[in-house]
Structure formats: C-alpha cells, structure tokens
Amino acid sequence: MKIIQIVTDHINEEIADAKTYAVLALENKDTYHSLAEVFYSLSNEEMRHSNILHGEVVKLIAEYRQQKGDPPVEMLAVYDYLHKKSIEAAEEVKRYQQMF
C-alpha cells in the first residue's frame, strides 16, 4: 500500500526533526537555556507526532488484514525494514533528549 510508504516517510521526517531539535537543545543549554528548553520541547513534540503516525500505520495494516487477509510478504518486508530504521533513529533521539 502506497499510503504506508507515504506515512512512514513522514514518520522519518518527524524523527529527523526531533533529532535536530534535541541536538540544538544540547548545544544551547548553557548559553541560551530558555531557547534550549523550547528546542527540547519541540523535540518531544516531534516524537509525539511520529508516534501518532506510527499508530495510524498499525491501524492501516490491521484494517488490511481484516479486509483482505495477510498483506503481501513484500509489503511487510518493506514495512519491517523501514520500521526498524525508524526505531533505531528514535532511540538515537531519546539518547540526545536524555543528555539534555
């Protein structure tokens, strides 16, 4: 399903933005603490967005299963690959956030 790829791309964009904000928070926490707090908050918000989108992908797959049975193996393989990359990127963001 093309929509899963589209949503997964947006999940990755949200995670990348979360990383950017987390790094900015760390870089500025001593010099511009108030701004760093904003960056940290934005990082958390971007991760929340990625979680919302991930929930929608899970729903799409569940709906597909209800309507048509198991998704094609190729589709699941692509999703699993992209999902693994998203998880790894999200873990990196969490490490930056924890350092803040």
PDB file of N, CA and C in Angstrom:
ATOM      1  N   MET A   1       0.841  -1.185   0.000  1.00  0.00           N
ATOM      2  CA  MET A   1       0.000   0.000   0.000  1.00  0.00           C
ATOM      3  C   MET A   1       0.885   1.247   0.000  1.00  0.00           C
ATOM      4  N   LYS A   2       0.657   2.077  -0.953  1.00  0.00           N
ATOM      5  CA  LYS A   2       1.438   3.294  -1.121  1.00  0.00           C
ATOM      6  C   LYS A   2       1.317   4.213   0.100  1.00  0.00           C
ATOM      7  N   ILE A   3       0.135   4.244   0.717  1.00  0.00           N
ATOM      8  CA  ILE A   3      -0.090   5.138   1.850  1.00  0.00           C
ATOM      9  C   ILE A   3       0.839   4.808   3.017  1.00  0.00           C
ATOM     10  N   ILE A   4       1.167   3.549   3.191  1.00  0.00           N
ATOM     11  CA  ILE A   4       2.076   3.174   4.280  1.00  0.00           C
ATOM     12  C   ILE A   4       3.456   3.765   4.030  1.00  0.00           C
ATOM     13  N   GLN A   5       3.902   3.725   2.790  1.00  0.00           N
ATOM     14  CA  GLN A   5       5.194   4.321   2.463  1.00  0.00           C
ATOM     15  C   GLN A   5       5.169   5.819   2.698  1.00  0.00           C
ATOM     16  N   ILE A   6       4.080   6.479   2.315  1.00  0.00           N
ATOM     17  CA  ILE A   6       3.963   7.930   2.496  1.00  0.00           C
ATOM     18  C   ILE A   6       4.004   8.289   3.978  1.00  0.00           C
ATOM     19  N   VAL A   7       3.209   7.574   4.779  1.00  0.00           N
ATOM     20  CA  VAL A   7       3.162   7.868   6.211  1.00  0.00           C
ATOM     21  C   VAL A   7       4.505   7.544   6.859  1.00  0.00           C
ATOM     22  N   THR A   8       5.122   6.448   6.455  1.00  0.00           N
ATOM     23  CA  THR A   8       6.423   6.080   7.005  1.00  0.00           C
ATOM     24  C   THR A   8       7.466   7.146   6.683  1.00  0.00           C
ATOM     25  N   ASP A   9       7.415   7.705   5.497  1.00  0.00           N
ATOM     26  CA  ASP A   9       8.324   8.799   5.153  1.00  0.00           C
ATOM     27  C   ASP A   9       8.127   9.984   6.103  1.00  0.00           C
ATOM     28  N   HIS A  10       6.876  10.281   6.415  1.00  0.00           N
ATOM     29  CA  HIS A  10       6.603  11.390   7.334  1.00  0.00           C
ATOM     30  C   HIS A  10       7.033  11.065   8.762  1.00  0.00           C
ATOM     31  N   ILE A  11       6.904   9.820   9.154  1.00  0.00           N
ATOM     32  CA  ILE A  11       7.403   9.398  10.468  1.00  0.00           C
ATOM     33  C   ILE A  11       8.898   9.688  10.553  1.00  0.00           C
ATOM     34  N   ASN A  12       9.612   9.309   9.515  1.00  0.00           N
ATOM     35  CA  ASN A  12      11.061   9.537   9.494  1.00  0.00           C
ATOM     36  C   ASN A  12      11.406  11.024   9.504  1.00  0.00           C
ATOM     37  N   GLU A  13      10.598  11.841   8.839  1.00  0.00           N
ATOM     38  CA  GLU A  13      10.819  13.285   8.864  1.00  0.00           C
ATOM     39  C   GLU A  13      10.618  13.835  10.274  1.00  0.00           C
ATOM     40  N   GLU A  14       9.584  13.361  10.953  1.00  0.00           N
ATOM     41  CA  GLU A  14       9.323  13.802  12.330  1.00  0.00           C
ATOM     42  C   GLU A  14      10.490  13.425  13.248  1.00  0.00           C
ATOM     43  N   ILE A  15      10.987  12.208  13.084  1.00  0.00           N
ATOM     44  CA  ILE A  15      12.106  11.747  13.910  1.00  0.00           C
ATOM     45  C   ILE A  15      13.365  12.560  13.610  1.00  0.00           C
ATOM     46  N   ALA A  16      13.608  12.844  12.340  1.00  0.00           N
ATOM     47  CA  ALA A  16      14.779  13.656  11.971  1.00  0.00           C
ATOM     48  C   ALA A  16      14.667  15.059  12.573  1.00  0.00           C
ATOM     49  N   ASP A  17      13.468  15.638  12.531  1.00  0.00           N
ATOM     50  CA  ASP A  17      13.271  16.956  13.135  1.00  0.00           C
ATOM     51  C   ASP A  17      13.471  16.886  14.646  1.00  0.00           C
ATOM     52  N   ALA A  18      12.995  15.814  15.266  1.00  0.00           N
ATOM     53  CA  ALA A  18      13.175  15.643  16.708  1.00  0.00           C
ATOM     54  C   ALA A  18      14.657  15.598  17.059  1.00  0.00           C
ATOM     55  N   LYS A  19      15.437  14.926  16.235  1.00  0.00           N
ATOM     56  CA  LYS A  19      16.879  14.859  16.474  1.00  0.00           C
ATOM     57  C   LYS A  19      17.507  16.242  16.344  1.00  0.00           C
ATOM     58  N   THR A  20      17.129  16.958  15.311  1.00  0.00           N
ATOM     59  CA  THR A  20      17.653  18.311  15.108  1.00  0.00           C
ATOM     60  C   THR A  20      17.391  19.177  16.329  1.00  0.00           C
ATOM     61  N   TYR A  21      16.162  19.146  16.819  1.00  0.00           N
ATOM     62  CA  TYR A  21      15.806  19.962  17.984  1.00  0.00           C
ATOM     63  C   TYR A  21      16.534  19.496  19.244  1.00  0.00           C
ATOM     64  N   ALA A  22      16.680  18.192  19.409  1.00  0.00           N
ATOM     65  CA  ALA A  22      17.381  17.677  20.593  1.00  0.00           C
ATOM     66  C   ALA A  22      18.843  18.111  20.586  1.00  0.00           C
ATOM     67  N   VAL A  23      19.465  18.051  19.425  1.00  0.00           N
ATOM     68  CA  VAL A  23      20.866  18.483  19.314  1.00  0.00           C
ATOM     69  C   VAL A  23      20.972  19.986  19.587  1.00  0.00           C
ATOM     70  N   LEU A  24      20.051  20.758  19.044  1.00  0.00           N
ATOM     71  CA  LEU A  24      20.057  22.197  19.308  1.00  0.00           C
ATOM     72  C   LEU A  24      19.859  22.497  20.791  1.00  0.00           C
ATOM     73  N   ALA A  25      19.010  21.727  21.433  1.00  0.00           N
ATOM     74  CA  ALA A  25      18.798  21.900  22.878  1.00  0.00           C
ATOM     75  C   ALA A  25      20.095  21.681  23.635  1.00  0.00           C
ATOM     76  N   LEU A  26      20.789  20.613  23.288  1.00  0.00           N
ATOM     77  CA  LEU A  26      22.064  20.321  23.953  1.00  0.00           C
ATOM     78  C   LEU A  26      23.108  21.401  23.694  1.00  0.00           C
ATOM     79  N   GLU A  27      23.194  21.832  22.460  1.00  0.00           N
ATOM     80  CA  GLU A  27      24.202  22.823  22.086  1.00  0.00           C
ATOM     81  C   GLU A  27      23.975  24.171  22.768  1.00  0.00           C
ATOM     82  N   ASN A  28      22.737  24.458  23.133  1.00  0.00           N
ATOM     83  CA  ASN A  28      22.409  25.786  23.646  1.00  0.00           C
ATOM     84  C   ASN A  28      22.000  25.821  25.108  1.00  0.00           C
ATOM     85  N   LYS A  29      22.064  24.680  25.783  1.00  0.00           N
ATOM     86  CA  LYS A  29      21.527  24.636  27.146  1.00  0.00           C
ATOM     87  C   LYS A  29      22.290  25.517  28.131  1.00  0.00           C
ATOM     88  N   ASP A  30      23.570  25.719  27.932  1.00  0.00           N
ATOM     89  CA  ASP A  30      24.340  26.544  28.857  1.00  0.00           C
ATOM     90  C   ASP A  30      24.304  28.027  28.494  1.00  0.00           C
ATOM     91  N   THR A  31      24.220  28.309  27.217  1.00  0.00           N
ATOM     92  CA  THR A  31      24.274  29.695  26.761  1.00  0.00           C
ATOM     93  C   THR A  31      22.886  30.346  26.671  1.00  0.00           C
ATOM     94  N   TYR A  32      21.945  29.613  26.101  1.00  0.00           N
ATOM     95  CA  TYR A  32      20.585  30.128  25.892  1.00  0.00           C
ATOM     96  C   TYR A  32      19.592  29.108  26.451  1.00  0.00           C
ATOM     97  N   HIS A  33      19.557  29.030  27.764  1.00  0.00           N
ATOM     98  CA  HIS A  33      18.789  27.956  28.410  1.00  0.00           C
ATOM     99  C   HIS A  33      17.307  27.988  28.044  1.00  0.00           C
ATOM    100  N   SER A  34      16.711  29.164  28.021  1.00  0.00           N
ATOM    101  CA  SER A  34      15.290  29.261  27.689  1.00  0.00           C
ATOM    102  C   SER A  34      15.025  28.744  26.272  1.00  0.00           C
ATOM    103  N   LEU A  35      15.873  29.142  25.340  1.00  0.00           N
ATOM    104  CA  LEU A  35      15.747  28.666  23.960  1.00  0.00           C
ATOM    105  C   LEU A  35      15.988  27.164  23.894  1.00  0.00           C
ATOM    106  N   ALA A  36      16.945  26.681  24.642  1.00  0.00           N
ATOM    107  CA  ALA A  36      17.224  25.243  24.680  1.00  0.00           C
ATOM    108  C   ALA A  36      16.013  24.473  25.181  1.00  0.00           C
ATOM    109  N   GLU A  37      15.319  25.013  26.161  1.00  0.00           N
ATOM    110  CA  GLU A  37      14.088  24.379  26.665  1.00  0.00           C
ATOM    111  C   GLU A  37      13.028  24.290  25.570  1.00  0.00           C
ATOM    112  N   VAL A  38      12.939  25.343  24.763  1.00  0.00           N
ATOM    113  CA  VAL A  38      11.995  25.327  23.636  1.00  0.00           C
ATOM    114  C   VAL A  38      12.384  24.241  22.644  1.00  0.00           C
ATOM    115  N   PHE A  39      13.667  24.168  22.314  1.00  0.00           N
ATOM    116  CA  PHE A  39      14.130  23.126  21.392  1.00  0.00           C
ATOM    117  C   PHE A  39      13.830  21.736  21.946  1.00  0.00           C
ATOM    118  N   TYR A  40      14.067  21.547  23.230  1.00  0.00           N
ATOM    119  CA  TYR A  40      13.791  20.259  23.867  1.00  0.00           C
ATOM    120  C   TYR A  40      12.308  19.921  23.781  1.00  0.00           C
ATOM    121  N   SER A  41      11.481  20.894  24.062  1.00  0.00           N
ATOM    122  CA  SER A  41      10.031  20.695  23.978  1.00  0.00           C
ATOM    123  C   SER A  41       9.601  20.345  22.555  1.00  0.00           C
ATOM    124  N   LEU A  42      10.167  21.051  21.588  1.00  0.00           N
ATOM    125  CA  LEU A  42       9.846  20.756  20.183  1.00  0.00           C
ATOM    126  C   LEU A  42      10.301  19.351  19.793  1.00  0.00           C
ATOM    127  N   SER A  43      11.436  18.938  20.296  1.00  0.00           N
ATOM    128  CA  SER A  43      11.916  17.587  20.027  1.00  0.00           C
ATOM    129  C   SER A  43      10.919  16.550  20.536  1.00  0.00           C
ATOM    130  N   ASN A  44      10.441  16.761  21.750  1.00  0.00           N
ATOM    131  CA  ASN A  44       9.443  15.844  22.306  1.00  0.00           C
ATOM    132  C   ASN A  44       8.150  15.852  21.497  1.00  0.00           C
ATOM    133  N   GLU A  45       7.754  17.023  21.046  1.00  0.00           N
ATOM    134  CA  GLU A  45       6.528  17.138  20.247  1.00  0.00           C
ATOM    135  C   GLU A  45       6.666  16.404  18.915  1.00  0.00           C
ATOM    136  N   GLU A  46       7.821  16.525  18.281  1.00  0.00           N
ATOM    137  CA  GLU A  46       8.046  15.817  17.020  1.00  0.00           C
ATOM    138  C   GLU A  46       7.989  14.302  17.229  1.00  0.00           C
ATOM    139  N   MET A  47       8.524  13.830  18.357  1.00  0.00           N
ATOM    140  CA  MET A  47       8.442  12.399  18.651  1.00  0.00           C
ATOM    141  C   MET A  47       6.991  11.976  18.880  1.00  0.00           C
ATOM    142  N   ARG A  48       6.220  12.852  19.503  1.00  0.00           N
ATOM    143  CA  ARG A  48       4.794  12.557  19.692  1.00  0.00           C
ATOM    144  C   ARG A  48       4.101  12.431  18.338  1.00  0.00           C
ATOM    145  N   HIS A  49       4.424  13.330  17.428  1.00  0.00           N
ATOM    146  CA  HIS A  49       3.859  13.258  16.075  1.00  0.00           C
ATOM    147  C   HIS A  49       4.211  11.931  15.406  1.00  0.00           C
ATOM    148  N   SER A  50       5.470  11.522  15.541  1.00  0.00           N
ATOM    149  CA  SER A  50       5.887  10.259  14.907  1.00  0.00           C
ATOM    150  C   SER A  50       5.119   9.086  15.510  1.00  0.00           C
ATOM    151  N   ASN A  51       4.867   9.126  16.804  1.00  0.00           N
ATOM    152  CA  ASN A  51       4.112   8.051  17.451  1.00  0.00           C
ATOM    153  C   ASN A  51       2.663   8.018  16.980  1.00  0.00           C
ATOM    154  N   ILE A  52       2.077   9.188  16.785  1.00  0.00           N
ATOM    155  CA  ILE A  52       0.702   9.259  16.269  1.00  0.00           C
ATOM    156  C   ILE A  52       0.641   8.642  14.877  1.00  0.00           C
ATOM    157  N   LEU A  53       1.584   9.036  14.025  1.00  0.00           N
ATOM    158  CA  LEU A  53       1.604   8.500  12.658  1.00  0.00           C
ATOM    159  C   LEU A  53       1.853   6.993  12.665  1.00  0.00           C
ATOM    160  N   HIS A  54       2.732   6.531  13.537  1.00  0.00           N
ATOM    161  CA  HIS A  54       3.003   5.095  13.627  1.00  0.00           C
ATOM    162  C   HIS A  54       1.719   4.348  14.002  1.00  0.00           C
ATOM    163  N   GLY A  55       0.969   4.899  14.931  1.00  0.00           N
ATOM    164  CA  GLY A  55      -0.300   4.278  15.302  1.00  0.00           C
ATOM    165  C   GLY A  55      -1.253   4.150  14.125  1.00  0.00           C
ATOM    166  N   GLU A  56      -1.234   5.129  13.261  1.00  0.00           N
ATOM    167  CA  GLU A  56      -2.097   5.083  12.079  1.00  0.00           C
ATOM    168  C   GLU A  56      -1.634   4.012  11.090  1.00  0.00           C
ATOM    169  N   VAL A  57      -0.331   3.837  10.952  1.00  0.00           N
ATOM    170  CA  VAL A  57       0.178   2.778  10.073  1.00  0.00           C
ATOM    171  C   VAL A  57      -0.242   1.413  10.612  1.00  0.00           C
ATOM    172  N   VAL A  58      -0.133   1.242  11.911  1.00  0.00           N
ATOM    173  CA  VAL A  58      -0.544  -0.024  12.530  1.00  0.00           C
ATOM    174  C   VAL A  58      -2.032  -0.276  12.253  1.00  0.00           C
ATOM    175  N   LYS A  59      -2.852   0.765  12.338  1.00  0.00           N
ATOM    176  CA  LYS A  59      -4.285   0.632  12.037  1.00  0.00           C
ATOM    177  C   LYS A  59      -4.507   0.236  10.581  1.00  0.00           C
ATOM    178  N   LEU A  60      -3.757   0.877   9.677  1.00  0.00           N
ATOM    179  CA  LEU A  60      -3.899   0.556   8.251  1.00  0.00           C
ATOM    180  C   LEU A  60      -3.594  -0.920   7.980  1.00  0.00           C
ATOM    181  N   ILE A  61      -2.543  -1.410   8.597  1.00  0.00           N
ATOM    182  CA  ILE A  61      -2.179  -2.813   8.405  1.00  0.00           C
ATOM    183  C   ILE A  61      -3.256  -3.726   8.988  1.00  0.00           C
ATOM    184  N   ALA A  62      -3.764  -3.377  10.152  1.00  0.00           N
ATOM    185  CA  ALA A  62      -4.825  -4.177  10.780  1.00  0.00           C
ATOM    186  C   ALA A  62      -6.087  -4.173   9.921  1.00  0.00           C
ATOM    187  N   GLU A  63      -6.448  -3.023   9.386  1.00  0.00           N
ATOM    188  CA  GLU A  63      -7.622  -2.933   8.501  1.00  0.00           C
ATOM    189  C   GLU A  63      -7.415  -3.772   7.245  1.00  0.00           C
ATOM    190  N   TYR A  64      -6.219  -3.709   6.696  1.00  0.00           N
ATOM    191  CA  TYR A  64      -5.911  -4.513   5.513  1.00  0.00           C
ATOM    192  C   TYR A  64      -6.115  -5.993   5.831  1.00  0.00           C
ATOM    193  N   ARG A  65      -5.619  -6.419   6.984  1.00  0.00           N
ATOM    194  CA  ARG A  65      -5.745  -7.826   7.379  1.00  0.00           C
ATOM    195  C   ARG A  65      -7.207  -8.226   7.516  1.00  0.00           C
ATOM    196  N   GLN A  66      -8.021  -7.355   8.086  1.00  0.00           N
ATOM    197  CA  GLN A  66      -9.438  -7.658   8.258  1.00  0.00           C
ATOM    198  C   GLN A  66     -10.151  -7.773   6.924  1.00  0.00           C
ATOM    199  N   GLN A  67      -9.794  -6.908   5.995  1.00  0.00           N
ATOM    200  CA  GLN A  67     -10.486  -6.863   4.717  1.00  0.00           C
ATOM    201  C   GLN A  67      -9.954  -7.858   3.695  1.00  0.00           C
ATOM    202  N   LYS A  68      -8.646  -8.096   3.689  1.00  0.00           N
ATOM    203  CA  LYS A  68      -8.031  -8.864   2.607  1.00  0.00           C
ATOM    204  C   LYS A  68      -7.134  -9.998   3.071  1.00  0.00           C
ATOM    205  N   GLY A  69      -6.999 -10.176   4.374  1.00  0.00           N
ATOM    206  CA  GLY A  69      -6.078 -11.195   4.868  1.00  0.00           C
ATOM    207  C   GLY A  69      -4.689 -10.603   5.044  1.00  0.00           C
ATOM    208  N   ASP A  70      -3.725 -11.477   5.173  1.00  0.00           N
ATOM    209  CA  ASP A  70      -2.359 -11.008   5.393  1.00  0.00           C
ATOM    210  C   ASP A  70      -1.867 -10.173   4.221  1.00  0.00           C
ATOM    211  N   PRO A  71      -1.176  -9.080   4.541  1.00  0.00           N
ATOM    212  CA  PRO A  71      -0.595  -8.267   3.468  1.00  0.00           C
ATOM    213  C   PRO A  71       0.452  -9.071   2.704  1.00  0.00           C
ATOM    214  N   PRO A  72       0.744  -8.661   1.477  1.00  0.00           N
ATOM    215  CA  PRO A  72       1.786  -9.347   0.712  1.00  0.00           C
ATOM    216  C   PRO A  72       3.116  -9.337   1.473  1.00  0.00           C
ATOM    217  N   VAL A  73       3.849 -10.418   1.333  1.00  0.00           N
ATOM    218  CA  VAL A  73       5.129 -10.565   2.025  1.00  0.00           C
ATOM    219  C   VAL A  73       6.065  -9.408   1.691  1.00  0.00           C
ATOM    220  N   GLU A  74       6.062  -8.981   0.432  1.00  0.00           N
ATOM    221  CA  GLU A  74       6.949  -7.889   0.014  1.00  0.00           C
ATOM    222  C   GLU A  74       6.609  -6.603   0.754  1.00  0.00           C
ATOM    223  N   MET A  75       5.298  -6.337   0.902  1.00  0.00           N
ATOM    224  CA  MET A  75       4.876  -5.127   1.586  1.00  0.00           C
ATOM    225  C   MET A  75       5.312  -5.154   3.047  1.00  0.00           C
ATOM    226  N   LEU A  76       5.135  -6.287   3.688  1.00  0.00           N
ATOM    227  CA  LEU A  76       5.543  -6.410   5.089  1.00  0.00           C
ATOM    228  C   LEU A  76       7.052  -6.319   5.244  1.00  0.00           C
ATOM    229  N   ALA A  77       7.782  -6.858   4.288  1.00  0.00           N
ATOM    230  CA  ALA A  77       9.242  -6.794   4.354  1.00  0.00           C
ATOM    231  C   ALA A  77       9.715  -5.346   4.275  1.00  0.00           C
ATOM    232  N   VAL A  78       9.123  -4.574   3.390  1.00  0.00           N
ATOM    233  CA  VAL A  78       9.485  -3.159   3.266  1.00  0.00           C
ATOM    234  C   VAL A  78       9.110  -2.422   4.547  1.00  0.00           C
ATOM    235  N   TYR A  79       7.900  -2.681   5.052  1.00  0.00           N
ATOM    236  CA  TYR A  79       7.469  -2.022   6.288  1.00  0.00           C
ATOM    237  C   TYR A  79       8.398  -2.391   7.438  1.00  0.00           C
ATOM    238  N   ASP A  80       8.716  -3.661   7.580  1.00  0.00           N
ATOM    239  CA  ASP A  80       9.595  -4.090   8.671  1.00  0.00           C
ATOM    240  C   ASP A  80      10.958  -3.418   8.597  1.00  0.00           C
ATOM    241  N   TYR A  81      11.491  -3.314   7.392  1.00  0.00           N
ATOM    242  CA  TYR A  81      12.783  -2.662   7.202  1.00  0.00           C
ATOM    243  C   TYR A  81      12.712  -1.185   7.605  1.00  0.00           C
ATOM    244  N   LEU A  82      11.697  -0.485   7.100  1.00  0.00           N
ATOM    245  CA  LEU A  82      11.552   0.931   7.409  1.00  0.00           C
ATOM    246  C   LEU A  82      11.255   1.147   8.893  1.00  0.00           C
ATOM    247  N   HIS A  83      10.462   0.241   9.462  1.00  0.00           N
ATOM    248  CA  HIS A  83      10.119   0.349  10.878  1.00  0.00           C
ATOM    249  C   HIS A  83      11.370   0.182  11.741  1.00  0.00           C
ATOM    250  N   LYS A  84      12.220  -0.769  11.379  1.00  0.00           N
ATOM    251  CA  LYS A  84      13.462  -0.979  12.129  1.00  0.00           C
ATOM    252  C   LYS A  84      14.341   0.268  12.077  1.00  0.00           C
ATOM    253  N   LYS A  85      14.451   0.878  10.899  1.00  0.00           N
ATOM    254  CA  LYS A  85      15.250   2.095  10.766  1.00  0.00           C
ATOM    255  C   LYS A  85      14.652   3.224  11.607  1.00  0.00           C
ATOM    256  N   SER A  86      13.335   3.318  11.642  1.00  0.00           N
ATOM    257  CA  SER A  86      12.672   4.344  12.446  1.00  0.00           C
ATOM    258  C   SER A  86      12.944   4.134  13.928  1.00  0.00           C
ATOM    259  N   ILE A  87      12.891   2.896  14.363  1.00  0.00           N
ATOM    260  CA  ILE A  87      13.150   2.586  15.773  1.00  0.00           C
ATOM    261  C   ILE A  87      14.575   2.970  16.147  1.00  0.00           C
ATOM    262  N   GLU A  88      15.521   2.630  15.288  1.00  0.00           N
ATOM    263  CA  GLU A  88      16.923   2.974  15.558  1.00  0.00           C
ATOM    264  C   GLU A  88      17.114   4.486  15.633  1.00  0.00           C
ATOM    265  N   ALA A  89      16.476   5.213  14.722  1.00  0.00           N
ATOM    266  CA  ALA A  89      16.592   6.674  14.729  1.00  0.00           C
ATOM    267  C   ALA A  89      15.929   7.261  15.968  1.00  0.00           C
ATOM    268  N   ALA A  90      14.787   6.705  16.360  1.00  0.00           N
ATOM    269  CA  ALA A  90      14.080   7.193  17.548  1.00  0.00           C
ATOM    270  C   ALA A  90      14.907   6.950  18.808  1.00  0.00           C
ATOM    271  N   GLU A  91      15.600   5.827  18.851  1.00  0.00           N
ATOM    272  CA  GLU A  91      16.461   5.546  20.004  1.00  0.00           C
ATOM    273  C   GLU A  91      17.588   6.566  20.097  1.00  0.00           C
ATOM    274  N   GLU A  92      18.126   6.963  18.964  1.00  0.00           N
ATOM    275  CA  GLU A  92      19.175   7.980  18.956  1.00  0.00           C
ATOM    276  C   GLU A  92      18.635   9.308  19.487  1.00  0.00           C
ATOM    277  N   VAL A  93      17.425   9.669  19.066  1.00  0.00           N
ATOM    278  CA  VAL A  93      16.812  10.902  19.553  1.00  0.00           C
ATOM    279  C   VAL A  93      16.647  10.842  21.069  1.00  0.00           C
ATOM    280  N   LYS A  94      16.179   9.718  21.565  1.00  0.00           N
ATOM    281  CA  LYS A  94      15.979   9.578  23.012  1.00  0.00           C
ATOM    282  C   LYS A  94      17.286   9.751  23.773  1.00  0.00           C
ATOM    283  N   ARG A  95      18.370   9.254  23.224  1.00  0.00           N
ATOM    284  CA  ARG A  95      19.667   9.438  23.884  1.00  0.00           C
ATOM    285  C   ARG A  95      20.034  10.919  23.972  1.00  0.00           C
ATOM    286  N   TYR A  96      19.815  11.656  22.877  1.00  0.00           N
ATOM    287  CA  TYR A  96      20.076  13.097  22.906  1.00  0.00           C
ATOM    288  C   TYR A  96      19.177  13.780  23.925  1.00  0.00           C
ATOM    289  N   GLN A  97      17.914  13.400  23.929  1.00  0.00           N
ATOM    290  CA  GLN A  97      16.980  14.022  24.866  1.00  0.00           C
ATOM    291  C   GLN A  97      17.387  13.729  26.316  1.00  0.00           C
ATOM    292  N   GLN A  98      17.837  12.522  26.575  1.00  0.00           N
ATOM    293  CA  GLN A  98      18.256  12.167  27.933  1.00  0.00           C
ATOM    294  C   GLN A  98      19.491  12.952  28.367  1.00  0.00           C
ATOM    295  N   MET A  99      20.355  13.284  27.413  1.00  0.00           N
ATOM    296  CA  MET A  99      21.551  14.057  27.752  1.00  0.00           C
ATOM    297  C   MET A  99      21.176  15.482  28.161  1.00  0.00           C
ATOM    298  N   PHE A 100      20.044  15.952  27.669  1.00  0.00           N
ATOM    299  CA  PHE A 100      19.624  17.305  27.997  1.00  0.00           C
ATOM    300  C   PHE A 100      19.215  17.370  29.455  1.00  0.00           C
TER     301      PHE A 100
END
